[in-house]
Amino acid sequence: MDVGAQVHRPAGVALGPLGRKNRQALAASVLRAATYPALAERAFAERARRIGRAVAAEDGVGVACTVIEKWATAKGIVATTG
């Protein structure tokens, strides 16, 4: 039996086997989509925008200063300036 000709489906759904020609066309379409430069560039650009937004939302220095100030205040090392 050609396992590749089987279509995964929920129980009780009767679908025929995927023909060889259709499997080849599907494989070619997936390969084109996976290697198409414009799609890769668009995906990269979206990831870069998402990372840029995340980095812009970070305030590492401010958070570090707040943590140090809270620690120092709790230890009585610095007075709060309120």
PDB file of N, CA and C in Angstrom:
ATOM      1  N   MET A   1       0.844  -1.171   0.000  1.00  0.00           N
ATOM      2  CA  MET A   1       0.000   0.000   0.000  1.00  0.00           C
ATOM      3  C   MET A   1       0.892   1.237   0.000  1.00  0.00           C
ATOM      4  N   ASP A   2       0.539   2.218  -0.812  1.00  0.00           N
ATOM      5  CA  ASP A   2       1.264   3.478  -0.881  1.00  0.00           C
ATOM      6  C   ASP A   2       0.773   4.369   0.257  1.00  0.00           C
ATOM      7  N   VAL A   3       1.587   4.473   1.327  1.00  0.00           N
ATOM      8  CA  VAL A   3       1.191   5.250   2.492  1.00  0.00           C
ATOM      9  C   VAL A   3       1.005   6.716   2.109  1.00  0.00           C
ATOM     10  N   GLY A   4       1.809   7.220   1.220  1.00  0.00           N
ATOM     11  CA  GLY A   4       1.690   8.612   0.792  1.00  0.00           C
ATOM     12  C   GLY A   4       0.374   8.909   0.108  1.00  0.00           C
ATOM     13  N   ALA A   5      -0.295   7.887  -0.392  1.00  0.00           N
ATOM     14  CA  ALA A   5      -1.570   8.088  -1.068  1.00  0.00           C
ATOM     15  C   ALA A   5      -2.712   8.214  -0.078  1.00  0.00           C
ATOM     16  N   GLN A   6      -2.479   7.902   1.173  1.00  0.00           N
ATOM     17  CA  GLN A   6      -3.522   8.001   2.193  1.00  0.00           C
ATOM     18  C   GLN A   6      -3.686   9.460   2.599  1.00  0.00           C
ATOM     19  N   VAL A   7      -4.909   9.869   2.817  1.00  0.00           N
ATOM     20  CA  VAL A   7      -5.189  11.211   3.308  1.00  0.00           C
ATOM     21  C   VAL A   7      -5.579  11.073   4.759  1.00  0.00           C
ATOM     22  N   HIS A   8      -4.905  11.804   5.654  1.00  0.00           N
ATOM     23  CA  HIS A   8      -5.261  11.748   7.065  1.00  0.00           C
ATOM     24  C   HIS A   8      -6.594  12.438   7.235  1.00  0.00           C
ATOM     25  N   ARG A   9      -7.508  11.802   7.908  1.00  0.00           N
ATOM     26  CA  ARG A   9      -8.845  12.349   8.058  1.00  0.00           C
ATOM     27  C   ARG A   9      -9.466  11.870   9.358  1.00  0.00           C
ATOM     28  N   PRO A  10     -10.443  12.612   9.866  1.00  0.00           N
ATOM     29  CA  PRO A  10     -11.131  12.168  11.073  1.00  0.00           C
ATOM     30  C   PRO A  10     -11.893  10.877  10.804  1.00  0.00           C
ATOM     31  N   ALA A  11     -12.107  10.110  11.847  1.00  0.00           N
ATOM     32  CA  ALA A  11     -12.846   8.853  11.705  1.00  0.00           C
ATOM     33  C   ALA A  11     -14.227   9.134  11.132  1.00  0.00           C
ATOM     34  N   GLY A  12     -14.653   8.294  10.238  1.00  0.00           N
ATOM     35  CA  GLY A  12     -15.990   8.407   9.673  1.00  0.00           C
ATOM     36  C   GLY A  12     -16.073   9.281   8.440  1.00  0.00           C
ATOM     37  N   VAL A  13     -14.988   9.951   8.073  1.00  0.00           N
ATOM     38  CA  VAL A  13     -14.997  10.781   6.874  1.00  0.00           C
ATOM     39  C   VAL A  13     -14.379   9.969   5.752  1.00  0.00           C
ATOM     40  N   ALA A  14     -15.150   9.744   4.730  1.00  0.00           N
ATOM     41  CA  ALA A  14     -14.686   8.909   3.623  1.00  0.00           C
ATOM     42  C   ALA A  14     -14.097   9.790   2.528  1.00  0.00           C
ATOM     43  N   LEU A  15     -12.800   9.786   2.420  1.00  0.00           N
ATOM     44  CA  LEU A  15     -12.119  10.508   1.361  1.00  0.00           C
ATOM     45  C   LEU A  15     -11.293   9.508   0.562  1.00  0.00           C
ATOM     46  N   GLY A  16     -11.201   9.734  -0.704  1.00  0.00           N
ATOM     47  CA  GLY A  16     -10.416   8.840  -1.536  1.00  0.00           C
ATOM     48  C   GLY A  16      -8.937   9.142  -1.397  1.00  0.00           C
ATOM     49  N   PRO A  17      -8.094   8.292  -1.927  1.00  0.00           N
ATOM     50  CA  PRO A  17      -6.648   8.533  -1.861  1.00  0.00           C
ATOM     51  C   PRO A  17      -6.274   9.754  -2.693  1.00  0.00           C
ATOM     52  N   LEU A  18      -5.236  10.415  -2.289  1.00  0.00           N
ATOM     53  CA  LEU A  18      -4.719  11.551  -3.037  1.00  0.00           C
ATOM     54  C   LEU A  18      -3.901  10.988  -4.189  1.00  0.00           C
ATOM     55  N   GLY A  19      -4.271  11.323  -5.396  1.00  0.00           N
ATOM     56  CA  GLY A  19      -3.594  10.773  -6.567  1.00  0.00           C
ATOM     57  C   GLY A  19      -2.152  11.221  -6.668  1.00  0.00           C
ATOM     58  N   ARG A  20      -1.362  10.439  -7.415  1.00  0.00           N
ATOM     59  CA  ARG A  20       0.067  10.731  -7.565  1.00  0.00           C
ATOM     60  C   ARG A  20       0.291  12.125  -8.118  1.00  0.00           C
ATOM     61  N   LYS A  21      -0.475  12.501  -9.121  1.00  0.00           N
ATOM     62  CA  LYS A  21      -0.313  13.810  -9.740  1.00  0.00           C
ATOM     63  C   LYS A  21      -0.621  14.929  -8.729  1.00  0.00           C
ATOM     64  N   ASN A  22      -1.647  14.727  -7.917  1.00  0.00           N
ATOM     65  CA  ASN A  22      -1.997  15.730  -6.911  1.00  0.00           C
ATOM     66  C   ASN A  22      -0.930  15.813  -5.824  1.00  0.00           C
ATOM     67  N   ARG A  23      -0.357  14.664  -5.432  1.00  0.00           N
ATOM     68  CA  ARG A  23       0.709  14.669  -4.429  1.00  0.00           C
ATOM     69  C   ARG A  23       1.914  15.434  -4.949  1.00  0.00           C
ATOM     70  N   GLN A  24       2.246  15.208  -6.213  1.00  0.00           N
ATOM     71  CA  GLN A  24       3.393  15.898  -6.796  1.00  0.00           C
ATOM     72  C   GLN A  24       3.139  17.400  -6.890  1.00  0.00           C
ATOM     73  N   ALA A  25       1.931  17.789  -7.265  1.00  0.00           N
ATOM     74  CA  ALA A  25       1.587  19.208  -7.353  1.00  0.00           C
ATOM     75  C   ALA A  25       1.621  19.853  -5.971  1.00  0.00           C
ATOM     76  N   LEU A  26       1.108  19.137  -4.970  1.00  0.00           N
ATOM     77  CA  LEU A  26       1.117  19.652  -3.606  1.00  0.00           C
ATOM     78  C   LEU A  26       2.554  19.814  -3.116  1.00  0.00           C
ATOM     79  N   ALA A  27       3.387  18.813  -3.354  1.00  0.00           N
ATOM     80  CA  ALA A  27       4.786  18.885  -2.935  1.00  0.00           C
ATOM     81  C   ALA A  27       5.496  20.051  -3.619  1.00  0.00           C
ATOM     82  N   ALA A  28       5.230  20.247  -4.904  1.00  0.00           N
ATOM     83  CA  ALA A  28       5.850  21.355  -5.633  1.00  0.00           C
ATOM     84  C   ALA A  28       5.381  22.698  -5.082  1.00  0.00           C
ATOM     85  N   SER A  29       4.110  22.811  -4.746  1.00  0.00           N
ATOM     86  CA  SER A  29       3.579  24.056  -4.189  1.00  0.00           C
ATOM     87  C   SER A  29       4.187  24.358  -2.829  1.00  0.00           C
ATOM     88  N   VAL A  30       4.311  23.340  -1.995  1.00  0.00           N
ATOM     89  CA  VAL A  30       4.915  23.530  -0.676  1.00  0.00           C
ATOM     90  C   VAL A  30       6.367  23.941  -0.829  1.00  0.00           C
ATOM     91  N   LEU A  31       7.089  23.303  -1.728  1.00  0.00           N
ATOM     92  CA  LEU A  31       8.493  23.645  -1.963  1.00  0.00           C
ATOM     93  C   LEU A  31       8.626  25.084  -2.446  1.00  0.00           C
ATOM     94  N   ARG A  32       7.765  25.496  -3.395  1.00  0.00           N
ATOM     95  CA  ARG A  32       7.812  26.880  -3.886  1.00  0.00           C
ATOM     96  C   ARG A  32       7.528  27.865  -2.750  1.00  0.00           C
ATOM     97  N   ALA A  33       6.514  27.567  -1.947  1.00  0.00           N
ATOM     98  CA  ALA A  33       6.158  28.468  -0.844  1.00  0.00           C
ATOM     99  C   ALA A  33       7.287  28.549   0.179  1.00  0.00           C
ATOM    100  N   ALA A  34       7.947  27.427   0.421  1.00  0.00           N
ATOM    101  CA  ALA A  34       9.011  27.395   1.436  1.00  0.00           C
ATOM    102  C   ALA A  34      10.287  28.078   0.958  1.00  0.00           C
ATOM    103  N   THR A  35      10.484  28.153  -0.334  1.00  0.00           N
ATOM    104  CA  THR A  35      11.733  28.720  -0.858  1.00  0.00           C
ATOM    105  C   THR A  35      11.533  30.030  -1.611  1.00  0.00           C
ATOM    106  N   TYR A  36      10.315  30.546  -1.648  1.00  0.00           N
ATOM    107  CA  TYR A  36      10.015  31.780  -2.372  1.00  0.00           C
ATOM    108  C   TYR A  36      10.626  32.967  -1.639  1.00  0.00           C
ATOM    109  N   PRO A  37      11.557  33.694  -2.265  1.00  0.00           N
ATOM    110  CA  PRO A  37      12.281  34.768  -1.571  1.00  0.00           C
ATOM    111  C   PRO A  37      11.371  35.852  -0.995  1.00  0.00           C
ATOM    112  N   ALA A  38      10.339  36.251  -1.706  1.00  0.00           N
ATOM    113  CA  ALA A  38       9.469  37.324  -1.213  1.00  0.00           C
ATOM    114  C   ALA A  38       8.767  36.904   0.071  1.00  0.00           C
ATOM    115  N   LEU A  39       8.359  35.645   0.157  1.00  0.00           N
ATOM    116  CA  LEU A  39       7.716  35.164   1.381  1.00  0.00           C
ATOM    117  C   LEU A  39       8.700  35.157   2.535  1.00  0.00           C
ATOM    118  N   ALA A  40       9.923  34.728   2.271  1.00  0.00           N
ATOM    119  CA  ALA A  40      10.947  34.702   3.310  1.00  0.00           C
ATOM    120  C   ALA A  40      11.262  36.123   3.785  1.00  0.00           C
ATOM    121  N   GLU A  41      11.367  37.060   2.845  1.00  0.00           N
ATOM    122  CA  GLU A  41      11.650  38.450   3.207  1.00  0.00           C
ATOM    123  C   GLU A  41      10.521  39.046   4.031  1.00  0.00           C
ATOM    124  N   ARG A  42       9.275  38.743   3.639  1.00  0.00           N
ATOM    125  CA  ARG A  42       8.129  39.260   4.377  1.00  0.00           C
ATOM    126  C   ARG A  42       8.092  38.684   5.789  1.00  0.00           C
ATOM    127  N   ALA A  43       8.359  37.391   5.906  1.00  0.00           N
ATOM    128  CA  ALA A  43       8.379  36.750   7.228  1.00  0.00           C
ATOM    129  C   ALA A  43       9.508  37.326   8.077  1.00  0.00           C
ATOM    130  N   PHE A  44      10.677  37.545   7.474  1.00  0.00           N
ATOM    131  CA  PHE A  44      11.809  38.120   8.199  1.00  0.00           C
ATOM    132  C   PHE A  44      11.477  39.535   8.665  1.00  0.00           C
ATOM    133  N   ALA A  45      10.881  40.318   7.780  1.00  0.00           N
ATOM    134  CA  ALA A  45      10.541  41.701   8.124  1.00  0.00           C
ATOM    135  C   ALA A  45       9.545  41.737   9.274  1.00  0.00           C
ATOM    136  N   GLU A  46       8.575  40.840   9.264  1.00  0.00           N
ATOM    137  CA  GLU A  46       7.584  40.796  10.354  1.00  0.00           C
ATOM    138  C   GLU A  46       8.257  40.401  11.668  1.00  0.00           C
ATOM    139  N   ARG A  47       9.155  39.415  11.623  1.00  0.00           N
ATOM    140  CA  ARG A  47       9.883  39.027  12.844  1.00  0.00           C
ATOM    141  C   ARG A  47      10.723  40.194  13.352  1.00  0.00           C
ATOM    142  N   ALA A  48      11.372  40.906  12.435  1.00  0.00           N
ATOM    143  CA  ALA A  48      12.209  42.044  12.831  1.00  0.00           C
ATOM    144  C   ALA A  48      11.354  43.139  13.467  1.00  0.00           C
ATOM    145  N   ARG A  49      10.170  43.406  12.905  1.00  0.00           N
ATOM    146  CA  ARG A  49       9.271  44.405  13.504  1.00  0.00           C
ATOM    147  C   ARG A  49       8.830  43.973  14.895  1.00  0.00           C
ATOM    148  N   ARG A  50       8.483  42.698  15.037  1.00  0.00           N
ATOM    149  CA  ARG A  50       8.026  42.180  16.333  1.00  0.00           C
ATOM    150  C   ARG A  50       9.145  42.280  17.381  1.00  0.00           C
ATOM    151  N   ILE A  51      10.361  41.929  16.984  1.00  0.00           N
ATOM    152  CA  ILE A  51      11.508  42.025  17.902  1.00  0.00           C
ATOM    153  C   ILE A  51      11.783  43.492  18.228  1.00  0.00           C
ATOM    154  N   GLY A  52      11.702  44.356  17.243  1.00  0.00           N
ATOM    155  CA  GLY A  52      11.917  45.782  17.467  1.00  0.00           C
ATOM    156  C   GLY A  52      10.913  46.361  18.452  1.00  0.00           C
ATOM    157  N   ARG A  53       9.640  45.975  18.317  1.00  0.00           N
ATOM    158  CA  ARG A  53       8.624  46.449  19.264  1.00  0.00           C
ATOM    159  C   ARG A  53       8.927  45.950  20.671  1.00  0.00           C
ATOM    160  N   ALA A  54       9.350  44.690  20.779  1.00  0.00           N
ATOM    161  CA  ALA A  54       9.656  44.124  22.101  1.00  0.00           C
ATOM    162  C   ALA A  54      10.849  44.838  22.730  1.00  0.00           C
ATOM    163  N   VAL A  55      11.874  45.108  21.932  1.00  0.00           N
ATOM    164  CA  VAL A  55      13.064  45.793  22.453  1.00  0.00           C
ATOM    165  C   VAL A  55      12.704  47.224  22.855  1.00  0.00           C
ATOM    166  N   ALA A  56      11.903  47.901  22.033  1.00  0.00           N
ATOM    167  CA  ALA A  56      11.511  49.275  22.341  1.00  0.00           C
ATOM    168  C   ALA A  56      10.689  49.343  23.625  1.00  0.00           C
ATOM    169  N   ALA A  57       9.927  48.293  23.905  1.00  0.00           N
ATOM    170  CA  ALA A  57       9.092  48.264  25.108  1.00  0.00           C
ATOM    171  C   ALA A  57       9.915  47.996  26.368  1.00  0.00           C
ATOM    172  N   GLU A  58      11.118  47.465  26.193  1.00  0.00           N
ATOM    173  CA  GLU A  58      11.981  47.179  27.347  1.00  0.00           C
ATOM    174  C   GLU A  58      12.601  48.459  27.881  1.00  0.00           C
ATOM    175  N   ASP A  59      12.779  48.509  29.173  1.00  0.00           N
ATOM    176  CA  ASP A  59      13.487  49.618  29.811  1.00  0.00           C
ATOM    177  C   ASP A  59      14.423  48.993  30.831  1.00  0.00           C
ATOM    178  N   GLY A  60      15.393  48.263  30.343  1.00  0.00           N
ATOM    179  CA  GLY A  60      16.292  47.520  31.213  1.00  0.00           C
ATOM    180  C   GLY A  60      17.022  48.381  32.221  1.00  0.00           C
ATOM    181  N   VAL A  61      17.518  49.533  31.790  1.00  0.00           N
ATOM    182  CA  VAL A  61      18.256  50.408  32.700  1.00  0.00           C
ATOM    183  C   VAL A  61      17.317  50.946  33.768  1.00  0.00           C
ATOM    184  N   GLY A  62      16.127  51.379  33.348  1.00  0.00           N
ATOM    185  CA  GLY A  62      15.157  51.895  34.308  1.00  0.00           C
ATOM    186  C   GLY A  62      14.736  50.849  35.326  1.00  0.00           C
ATOM    187  N   VAL A  63      14.509  49.629  34.850  1.00  0.00           N
ATOM    188  CA  VAL A  63      14.128  48.538  35.756  1.00  0.00           C
ATOM    189  C   VAL A  63      15.270  48.236  36.714  1.00  0.00           C
ATOM    190  N   ALA A  64      16.485  48.177  36.206  1.00  0.00           N
ATOM    191  CA  ALA A  64      17.641  47.909  37.066  1.00  0.00           C
ATOM    192  C   ALA A  64      17.782  48.989  38.130  1.00  0.00           C
ATOM    193  N   CYS A  65      17.633  50.254  37.749  1.00  0.00           N
ATOM    194  CA  CYS A  65      17.733  51.349  38.725  1.00  0.00           C
ATOM    195  C   CYS A  65      16.643  51.237  39.787  1.00  0.00           C
ATOM    196  N   THR A  66      15.436  50.905  39.377  1.00  0.00           N
ATOM    197  CA  THR A  66      14.338  50.754  40.331  1.00  0.00           C
ATOM    198  C   THR A  66      14.628  49.640  41.320  1.00  0.00           C
ATOM    199  N   VAL A  67      15.128  48.509  40.826  1.00  0.00           N
ATOM    200  CA  VAL A  67      15.453  47.380  41.698  1.00  0.00           C
ATOM    201  C   VAL A  67      16.529  47.777  42.695  1.00  0.00           C
ATOM    202  N   ILE A  68      17.579  48.446  42.224  1.00  0.00           N
ATOM    203  CA  ILE A  68      18.676  48.867  43.110  1.00  0.00           C
ATOM    204  C   ILE A  68      18.179  49.877  44.140  1.00  0.00           C
ATOM    205  N   GLU A  69      17.357  50.829  43.680  1.00  0.00           N
ATOM    206  CA  GLU A  69      16.815  51.827  44.614  1.00  0.00           C
ATOM    207  C   GLU A  69      15.951  51.170  45.688  1.00  0.00           C
ATOM    208  N   LYS A  70      15.103  50.221  45.286  1.00  0.00           N
ATOM    209  CA  LYS A  70      14.256  49.527  46.268  1.00  0.00           C
ATOM    210  C   LYS A  70      15.115  48.744  47.255  1.00  0.00           C
ATOM    211  N   TRP A  71      16.140  48.078  46.755  1.00  0.00           N
ATOM    212  CA  TRP A  71      17.034  47.299  47.626  1.00  0.00           C
ATOM    213  C   TRP A  71      17.761  48.231  48.602  1.00  0.00           C
ATOM    214  N   ALA A  72      18.311  49.328  48.064  1.00  0.00           N
ATOM    215  CA  ALA A  72      19.055  50.267  48.902  1.00  0.00           C
ATOM    216  C   ALA A  72      18.141  50.916  49.938  1.00  0.00           C
ATOM    217  N   THR A  73      16.938  51.257  49.559  1.00  0.00           N
ATOM    218  CA  THR A  73      15.981  51.851  50.487  1.00  0.00           C
ATOM    219  C   THR A  73      15.622  50.866  51.587  1.00  0.00           C
ATOM    220  N   ALA A  74      15.388  49.623  51.207  1.00  0.00           N
ATOM    221  CA  ALA A  74      15.048  48.588  52.197  1.00  0.00           C
ATOM    222  C   ALA A  74      16.200  48.370  53.174  1.00  0.00           C
ATOM    223  N   LYS A  75      17.439  48.531  52.714  1.00  0.00           N
ATOM    224  CA  LYS A  75      18.605  48.354  53.577  1.00  0.00           C
ATOM    225  C   LYS A  75      18.951  49.627  54.348  1.00  0.00           C
ATOM    226  N   GLY A  76      18.233  50.718  54.036  1.00  0.00           N
ATOM    227  CA  GLY A  76      18.505  51.991  54.717  1.00  0.00           C
ATOM    228  C   GLY A  76      19.735  52.694  54.201  1.00  0.00           C
ATOM    229  N   ILE A  77      20.186  52.316  53.026  1.00  0.00           N
ATOM    230  CA  ILE A  77      21.405  52.904  52.455  1.00  0.00           C
ATOM    231  C   ILE A  77      21.113  54.271  51.837  1.00  0.00           C
ATOM    232  N   VAL A  78      19.959  54.423  51.207  1.00  0.00           N
ATOM    233  CA  VAL A  78      19.599  55.710  50.590  1.00  0.00           C
ATOM    234  C   VAL A  78      18.228  56.139  51.084  1.00  0.00           C
ATOM    235  N   ALA A  79      18.032  57.420  51.125  1.00  0.00           N
ATOM    236  CA  ALA A  79      16.723  57.942  51.503  1.00  0.00           C
ATOM    237  C   ALA A  79      15.896  58.148  50.231  1.00  0.00           C
ATOM    238  N   THR A  80      14.618  57.930  50.322  1.00  0.00           N
ATOM    239  CA  THR A  80      13.751  58.141  49.168  1.00  0.00           C
ATOM    240  C   THR A  80      13.579  59.633  48.959  1.00  0.00           C
ATOM    241  N   THR A  81      13.461  60.012  47.695  1.00  0.00           N
ATOM    242  CA  THR A  81      13.304  61.433  47.369  1.00  0.00           C
ATOM    243  C   THR A  81      11.883  61.735  46.943  1.00  0.00           C
ATOM    244  N   GLY A  82      11.045  60.726  46.957  1.00  0.00           N
ATOM    245  CA  GLY A  82       9.624  60.806  46.737  1.00  0.00           C
ATOM    246  C   GLY A  82       9.170  61.636  45.672  1.00  0.00           C
TER     247      GLY A  82
END
